[in-house]
């Protein structure tokens, strides 16, 4: 019981306090970096939406906390005080990037329907930017579109630490869903 009470409770928090910004800074700048295990929590693959065996759909979220940590990991001559000055009380967004692979020769962008909900309430993005998804290939293979890349930005004040559900519906009548437990993510 003492061990459980000694472990910090992490969950999605916004607005970021100066303490949360410092925690993100130190996470981003520690010797081993943020680590694959930490970053993997913010990205899900969706194996039911794929083109052949190698092109699998993915959803990645970037909370304000993760954005501070990522910025700190890349910045030179940067310290915790700089991070607090750069991020405390400043506008920030909750980002989501979806790489949806579902068919060779996919229809033009805006063909996929994406619904984001939390607590059975739809969360409408502040911005929705879409483009055709051409996966990386070698120089001898022609580029073929296989879906869409969707970049969504949300007002972080409209989200809380409950489960975030992303429902994806493709024009060829395929459906997929993934969930992020924001109670376990910062």
C-alpha atoms as a PDB file:
ATOM      1  CA  UNK A   1       0.000   0.000   0.000  1.00  0.00           C
ATOM      2  CA  UNK A   2       2.847   2.371   0.833  1.00  0.00           C
ATOM      3  CA  UNK A   3       4.403   1.666  -2.563  1.00  0.00           C
ATOM      4  CA  UNK A   4       1.158   2.561  -4.338  1.00  0.00           C
ATOM      5  CA  UNK A   5       0.788   5.818  -2.450  1.00  0.00           C
ATOM      6  CA  UNK A   6       4.402   6.745  -3.244  1.00  0.00           C
ATOM      7  CA  UNK A   7       3.788   6.432  -7.017  1.00  0.00           C
ATOM      8  CA  UNK A   8       2.630   9.657  -8.638  1.00  0.00           C
ATOM      9  CA  UNK A   9      -0.783   9.701 -10.256  1.00  0.00           C
ATOM     10  CA  UNK A  10      -0.490  10.864 -13.859  1.00  0.00           C
ATOM     11  CA  UNK A  11      -3.365  11.933 -15.999  1.00  0.00           C
ATOM     12  CA  UNK A  12      -4.125  14.411 -18.742  1.00  0.00           C
ATOM     13  CA  UNK A  13      -3.979  17.850 -17.241  1.00  0.00           C
ATOM     14  CA  UNK A  14      -4.680  21.236 -18.699  1.00  0.00           C
ATOM     15  CA  UNK A  15      -3.873  24.006 -18.231  1.00  0.00           C
ATOM     16  CA  UNK A  16      -0.328  22.986 -17.476  1.00  0.00           C
ATOM     17  CA  UNK A  17       0.969  24.208 -14.146  1.00  0.00           C
ATOM     18  CA  UNK A  18       4.555  25.399 -13.808  1.00  0.00           C
ATOM     19  CA  UNK A  19       5.247  22.122 -11.985  1.00  0.00           C
ATOM     20  CA  UNK A  20       3.828  20.055 -14.878  1.00  0.00           C
ATOM     21  CA  UNK A  21       5.922  22.061 -17.361  1.00  0.00           C
ATOM     22  CA  UNK A  22       9.054  21.402 -15.295  1.00  0.00           C
ATOM     23  CA  UNK A  23       8.188  17.679 -15.143  1.00  0.00           C
ATOM     24  CA  UNK A  24       7.776  17.630 -18.924  1.00  0.00           C
ATOM     25  CA  UNK A  25      11.071  19.487 -19.357  1.00  0.00           C
ATOM     26  CA  UNK A  26      12.962  17.006 -17.165  1.00  0.00           C
ATOM     27  CA  UNK A  27      11.337  14.046 -18.907  1.00  0.00           C
ATOM     28  CA  UNK A  28      12.357  15.422 -22.297  1.00  0.00           C
ATOM     29  CA  UNK A  29      15.941  16.187 -21.311  1.00  0.00           C
ATOM     30  CA  UNK A  30      16.896  13.166 -19.226  1.00  0.00           C
ATOM     31  CA  UNK A  31      19.838  11.097 -20.439  1.00  0.00           C
ATOM     32  CA  UNK A  32      17.784   8.259 -21.912  1.00  0.00           C
ATOM     33  CA  UNK A  33      15.300  10.637 -23.507  1.00  0.00           C
ATOM     34  CA  UNK A  34      11.588  10.030 -23.323  1.00  0.00           C
ATOM     35  CA  UNK A  35      11.996   6.363 -24.194  1.00  0.00           C
ATOM     36  CA  UNK A  36      10.074   4.195 -26.605  1.00  0.00           C
ATOM     37  CA  UNK A  37       7.762   2.840 -23.892  1.00  0.00           C
ATOM     38  CA  UNK A  38       6.672   6.346 -22.925  1.00  0.00           C
ATOM     39  CA  UNK A  39       6.131   7.497 -26.517  1.00  0.00           C
ATOM     40  CA  UNK A  40       4.327   4.276 -27.493  1.00  0.00           C
ATOM     41  CA  UNK A  41       1.480   5.183 -25.142  1.00  0.00           C
ATOM     42  CA  UNK A  42       0.650   8.140 -27.398  1.00  0.00           C
ATOM     43  CA  UNK A  43       0.411   6.100 -30.611  1.00  0.00           C
ATOM     44  CA  UNK A  44      -1.868   3.225 -31.607  1.00  0.00           C
ATOM     45  CA  UNK A  45      -1.807   1.088 -34.709  1.00  0.00           C
ATOM     46  CA  UNK A  46      -5.122   0.020 -36.206  1.00  0.00           C
ATOM     47  CA  UNK A  47      -4.530  -3.392 -37.787  1.00  0.00           C
ATOM     48  CA  UNK A  48      -8.077  -3.655 -39.139  1.00  0.00           C
ATOM     49  CA  UNK A  49      -7.355  -0.725 -41.495  1.00  0.00           C
ATOM     50  CA  UNK A  50      -4.478  -1.783 -43.686  1.00  0.00           C
ATOM     51  CA  UNK A  51      -3.243  -2.225 -47.212  1.00  0.00           C
ATOM     52  CA  UNK A  52      -1.378  -5.528 -47.538  1.00  0.00           C
ATOM     53  CA  UNK A  53       0.773  -6.631 -44.602  1.00  0.00           C
ATOM     54  CA  UNK A  54       3.070  -3.637 -44.355  1.00  0.00           C
ATOM     55  CA  UNK A  55       0.825  -0.563 -44.504  1.00  0.00           C
ATOM     56  CA  UNK A  56      -1.086  -0.340 -41.225  1.00  0.00           C
ATOM     57  CA  UNK A  57      -3.075   2.687 -40.078  1.00  0.00           C
ATOM     58  CA  UNK A  58      -1.871   4.680 -37.059  1.00  0.00           C
ATOM     59  CA  UNK A  59      -3.242   7.312 -34.709  1.00  0.00           C
ATOM     60  CA  UNK A  60      -0.910   9.526 -32.667  1.00  0.00           C
ATOM     61  CA  UNK A  61      -1.936  12.111 -30.113  1.00  0.00           C
ATOM     62  CA  UNK A  62       0.128  14.970 -28.728  1.00  0.00           C
ATOM     63  CA  UNK A  63      -1.037  16.338 -25.413  1.00  0.00           C
ATOM     64  CA  UNK A  64       0.271  19.722 -24.270  1.00  0.00           C
ATOM     65  CA  UNK A  65       2.513  17.868 -21.758  1.00  0.00           C
ATOM     66  CA  UNK A  66       4.034  15.713 -24.521  1.00  0.00           C
ATOM     67  CA  UNK A  67       4.597  18.809 -26.685  1.00  0.00           C
ATOM     68  CA  UNK A  68       6.617  20.472 -23.896  1.00  0.00           C
ATOM     69  CA  UNK A  69       8.678  17.297 -23.361  1.00  0.00           C
ATOM     70  CA  UNK A  70       9.327  16.918 -27.101  1.00  0.00           C
ATOM     71  CA  UNK A  71      10.330  20.581 -27.421  1.00  0.00           C
ATOM     72  CA  UNK A  72      12.722  20.285 -24.474  1.00  0.00           C
ATOM     73  CA  UNK A  73      14.292  17.149 -25.967  1.00  0.00           C
ATOM     74  CA  UNK A  74      15.219  19.030 -29.167  1.00  0.00           C
ATOM     75  CA  UNK A  75      16.139  22.475 -27.841  1.00  0.00           C
ATOM     76  CA  UNK A  76      19.769  23.451 -27.252  1.00  0.00           C
ATOM     77  CA  UNK A  77      20.857  25.493 -24.243  1.00  0.00           C
ATOM     78  CA  UNK A  78      17.378  25.188 -22.778  1.00  0.00           C
ATOM     79  CA  UNK A  79      16.475  24.905 -19.107  1.00  0.00           C
ATOM     80  CA  UNK A  80      13.377  24.376 -16.968  1.00  0.00           C
ATOM     81  CA  UNK A  81      12.922  28.112 -16.434  1.00  0.00           C
ATOM     82  CA  UNK A  82      12.928  28.646 -20.210  1.00  0.00           C
ATOM     83  CA  UNK A  83      10.268  25.944 -20.588  1.00  0.00           C
ATOM     84  CA  UNK A  84       8.040  27.585 -17.968  1.00  0.00           C
ATOM     85  CA  UNK A  85       8.526  30.980 -19.652  1.00  0.00           C
ATOM     86  CA  UNK A  86       7.753  29.517 -23.103  1.00  0.00           C
ATOM     87  CA  UNK A  87       4.685  27.449 -22.159  1.00  0.00           C
ATOM     88  CA  UNK A  88       3.077  28.712 -18.939  1.00  0.00           C
ATOM     89  CA  UNK A  89      -0.203  30.472 -19.690  1.00  0.00           C
ATOM     90  CA  UNK A  90       0.425  30.338 -23.455  1.00  0.00           C
ATOM     91  CA  UNK A  91      -2.058  28.992 -26.006  1.00  0.00           C
ATOM     92  CA  UNK A  92      -1.463  25.369 -26.862  1.00  0.00           C
ATOM     93  CA  UNK A  93      -3.519  22.747 -28.703  1.00  0.00           C
ATOM     94  CA  UNK A  94      -4.185  19.030 -28.367  1.00  0.00           C
ATOM     95  CA  UNK A  95      -3.010  17.447 -31.630  1.00  0.00           C
ATOM     96  CA  UNK A  96      -4.000  14.223 -33.325  1.00  0.00           C
ATOM     97  CA  UNK A  97      -2.433  12.754 -36.469  1.00  0.00           C
ATOM     98  CA  UNK A  98      -4.066   9.858 -38.279  1.00  0.00           C
ATOM     99  CA  UNK A  99      -2.400   7.925 -41.086  1.00  0.00           C
ATOM    100  CA  UNK A 100      -5.302   5.955 -42.498  1.00  0.00           C
ATOM    101  CA  UNK A 101      -4.397   3.182 -44.961  1.00  0.00           C
ATOM    102  CA  UNK A 102      -7.371   1.356 -46.417  1.00  0.00           C
ATOM    103  CA  UNK A 103      -7.146   0.877 -50.204  1.00  0.00           C
ATOM    104  CA  UNK A 104      -4.842   1.351 -53.166  1.00  0.00           C
ATOM    105  CA  UNK A 105      -6.104   4.271 -55.253  1.00  0.00           C
ATOM    106  CA  UNK A 106      -8.099   5.701 -52.355  1.00  0.00           C
ATOM    107  CA  UNK A 107     -10.606   8.480 -53.032  1.00  0.00           C
ATOM    108  CA  UNK A 108      -9.591  12.102 -52.620  1.00  0.00           C
ATOM    109  CA  UNK A 109      -9.052  13.507 -49.096  1.00  0.00           C
ATOM    110  CA  UNK A 110     -12.089  14.207 -46.901  1.00  0.00           C
ATOM    111  CA  UNK A 111     -13.556  10.826 -47.804  1.00  0.00           C
ATOM    112  CA  UNK A 112     -12.930   9.330 -44.361  1.00  0.00           C
ATOM    113  CA  UNK A 113     -15.300  10.140 -41.508  1.00  0.00           C
ATOM    114  CA  UNK A 114     -13.610  10.593 -38.144  1.00  0.00           C
ATOM    115  CA  UNK A 115     -15.576  11.020 -34.942  1.00  0.00           C
ATOM    116  CA  UNK A 116     -13.824  11.868 -31.685  1.00  0.00           C
ATOM    117  CA  UNK A 117     -15.814  11.421 -28.487  1.00  0.00           C
ATOM    118  CA  UNK A 118     -15.296  11.606 -24.767  1.00  0.00           C
ATOM    119  CA  UNK A 119     -17.962  10.741 -22.190  1.00  0.00           C
ATOM    120  CA  UNK A 120     -20.407  10.005 -25.047  1.00  0.00           C
ATOM    121  CA  UNK A 121     -20.031  13.591 -26.273  1.00  0.00           C
ATOM    122  CA  UNK A 122     -18.531  14.458 -29.655  1.00  0.00           C
ATOM    123  CA  UNK A 123     -15.447  16.688 -29.540  1.00  0.00           C
ATOM    124  CA  UNK A 124     -15.263  18.926 -32.616  1.00  0.00           C
ATOM    125  CA  UNK A 125     -11.748  19.765 -33.804  1.00  0.00           C
ATOM    126  CA  UNK A 126     -10.594  23.369 -34.019  1.00  0.00           C
ATOM    127  CA  UNK A 127      -8.868  22.540 -37.307  1.00  0.00           C
ATOM    128  CA  UNK A 128      -8.972  19.614 -39.740  1.00  0.00           C
ATOM    129  CA  UNK A 129      -6.216  19.377 -42.369  1.00  0.00           C
ATOM    130  CA  UNK A 130      -6.176  16.419 -44.772  1.00  0.00           C
ATOM    131  CA  UNK A 131      -3.973  15.164 -47.558  1.00  0.00           C
ATOM    132  CA  UNK A 132      -3.532  12.048 -49.651  1.00  0.00           C
ATOM    133  CA  UNK A 133      -1.365   9.404 -47.997  1.00  0.00           C
ATOM    134  CA  UNK A 134       1.529   8.235 -50.154  1.00  0.00           C
ATOM    135  CA  UNK A 135       3.649   5.844 -48.068  1.00  0.00           C
ATOM    136  CA  UNK A 136       7.426   5.920 -48.359  1.00  0.00           C
ATOM    137  CA  UNK A 137       8.795   3.683 -51.089  1.00  0.00           C
ATOM    138  CA  UNK A 138      12.135   2.901 -52.614  1.00  0.00           C
ATOM    139  CA  UNK A 139      13.262   4.879 -55.692  1.00  0.00           C
ATOM    140  CA  UNK A 140      12.183   2.056 -58.036  1.00  0.00           C
ATOM    141  CA  UNK A 141       8.606   1.708 -56.802  1.00  0.00           C
ATOM    142  CA  UNK A 142       5.985   4.194 -58.005  1.00  0.00           C
ATOM    143  CA  UNK A 143       4.145   6.096 -55.288  1.00  0.00           C
ATOM    144  CA  UNK A 144       0.541   5.005 -54.900  1.00  0.00           C
ATOM    145  CA  UNK A 145      -2.058   6.643 -52.694  1.00  0.00           C
ATOM    146  CA  UNK A 146      -3.470   4.311 -50.041  1.00  0.00           C
ATOM    147  CA  UNK A 147      -5.580   6.621 -47.879  1.00  0.00           C
ATOM    148  CA  UNK A 148      -5.424   9.910 -46.013  1.00  0.00           C
ATOM    149  CA  UNK A 149      -3.272  11.729 -43.534  1.00  0.00           C
ATOM    150  CA  UNK A 150      -5.477  13.704 -41.171  1.00  0.00           C
ATOM    151  CA  UNK A 151      -4.153  16.357 -38.801  1.00  0.00           C
ATOM    152  CA  UNK A 152      -6.650  17.495 -36.190  1.00  0.00           C
ATOM    153  CA  UNK A 153      -6.230  20.151 -33.512  1.00  0.00           C
ATOM    154  CA  UNK A 154      -8.514  20.454 -30.504  1.00  0.00           C
ATOM    155  CA  UNK A 155      -9.021  23.038 -27.806  1.00  0.00           C
ATOM    156  CA  UNK A 156      -7.381  21.272 -24.824  1.00  0.00           C
ATOM    157  CA  UNK A 157      -9.949  22.790 -22.445  1.00  0.00           C
ATOM    158  CA  UNK A 158     -12.655  20.680 -24.098  1.00  0.00           C
ATOM    159  CA  UNK A 159     -10.923  17.445 -23.048  1.00  0.00           C
ATOM    160  CA  UNK A 160     -10.574  15.824 -19.659  1.00  0.00           C
ATOM    161  CA  UNK A 161      -8.757  12.804 -18.251  1.00  0.00           C
ATOM    162  CA  UNK A 162     -11.387  10.252 -19.303  1.00  0.00           C
ATOM    163  CA  UNK A 163     -11.148   7.859 -22.257  1.00  0.00           C
ATOM    164  CA  UNK A 164     -10.840   9.479 -25.686  1.00  0.00           C
ATOM    165  CA  UNK A 165     -12.482   7.409 -28.441  1.00  0.00           C
ATOM    166  CA  UNK A 166     -11.645   7.799 -32.133  1.00  0.00           C
ATOM    167  CA  UNK A 167     -14.061   6.177 -34.593  1.00  0.00           C
ATOM    168  CA  UNK A 168     -12.926   5.882 -38.226  1.00  0.00           C
ATOM    169  CA  UNK A 169     -15.292   5.096 -41.114  1.00  0.00           C
ATOM    170  CA  UNK A 170     -13.887   4.664 -44.614  1.00  0.00           C
ATOM    171  CA  UNK A 171     -15.762   5.083 -47.919  1.00  0.00           C
ATOM    172  CA  UNK A 172     -15.400   1.351 -48.625  1.00  0.00           C
ATOM    173  CA  UNK A 173     -17.559   0.664 -45.539  1.00  0.00           C
ATOM    174  CA  UNK A 174     -14.789  -0.340 -43.159  1.00  0.00           C
ATOM    175  CA  UNK A 175     -14.960   0.764 -39.542  1.00  0.00           C
ATOM    176  CA  UNK A 176     -12.353   0.940 -36.814  1.00  0.00           C
ATOM    177  CA  UNK A 177     -12.068   2.368 -33.346  1.00  0.00           C
ATOM    178  CA  UNK A 178      -9.229   3.095 -30.976  1.00  0.00           C
ATOM    179  CA  UNK A 179      -9.197   4.542 -27.487  1.00  0.00           C
ATOM    180  CA  UNK A 180      -6.673   6.501 -25.459  1.00  0.00           C
ATOM    181  CA  UNK A 181      -7.033   6.394 -21.698  1.00  0.00           C
ATOM    182  CA  UNK A 182      -6.145   9.968 -20.787  1.00  0.00           C
ATOM    183  CA  UNK A 183      -6.233   8.932 -17.129  1.00  0.00           C
ATOM    184  CA  UNK A 184      -2.852   7.244 -17.759  1.00  0.00           C
ATOM    185  CA  UNK A 185      -1.363   9.833 -20.125  1.00  0.00           C
ATOM    186  CA  UNK A 186      -0.163  13.307 -19.393  1.00  0.00           C
END
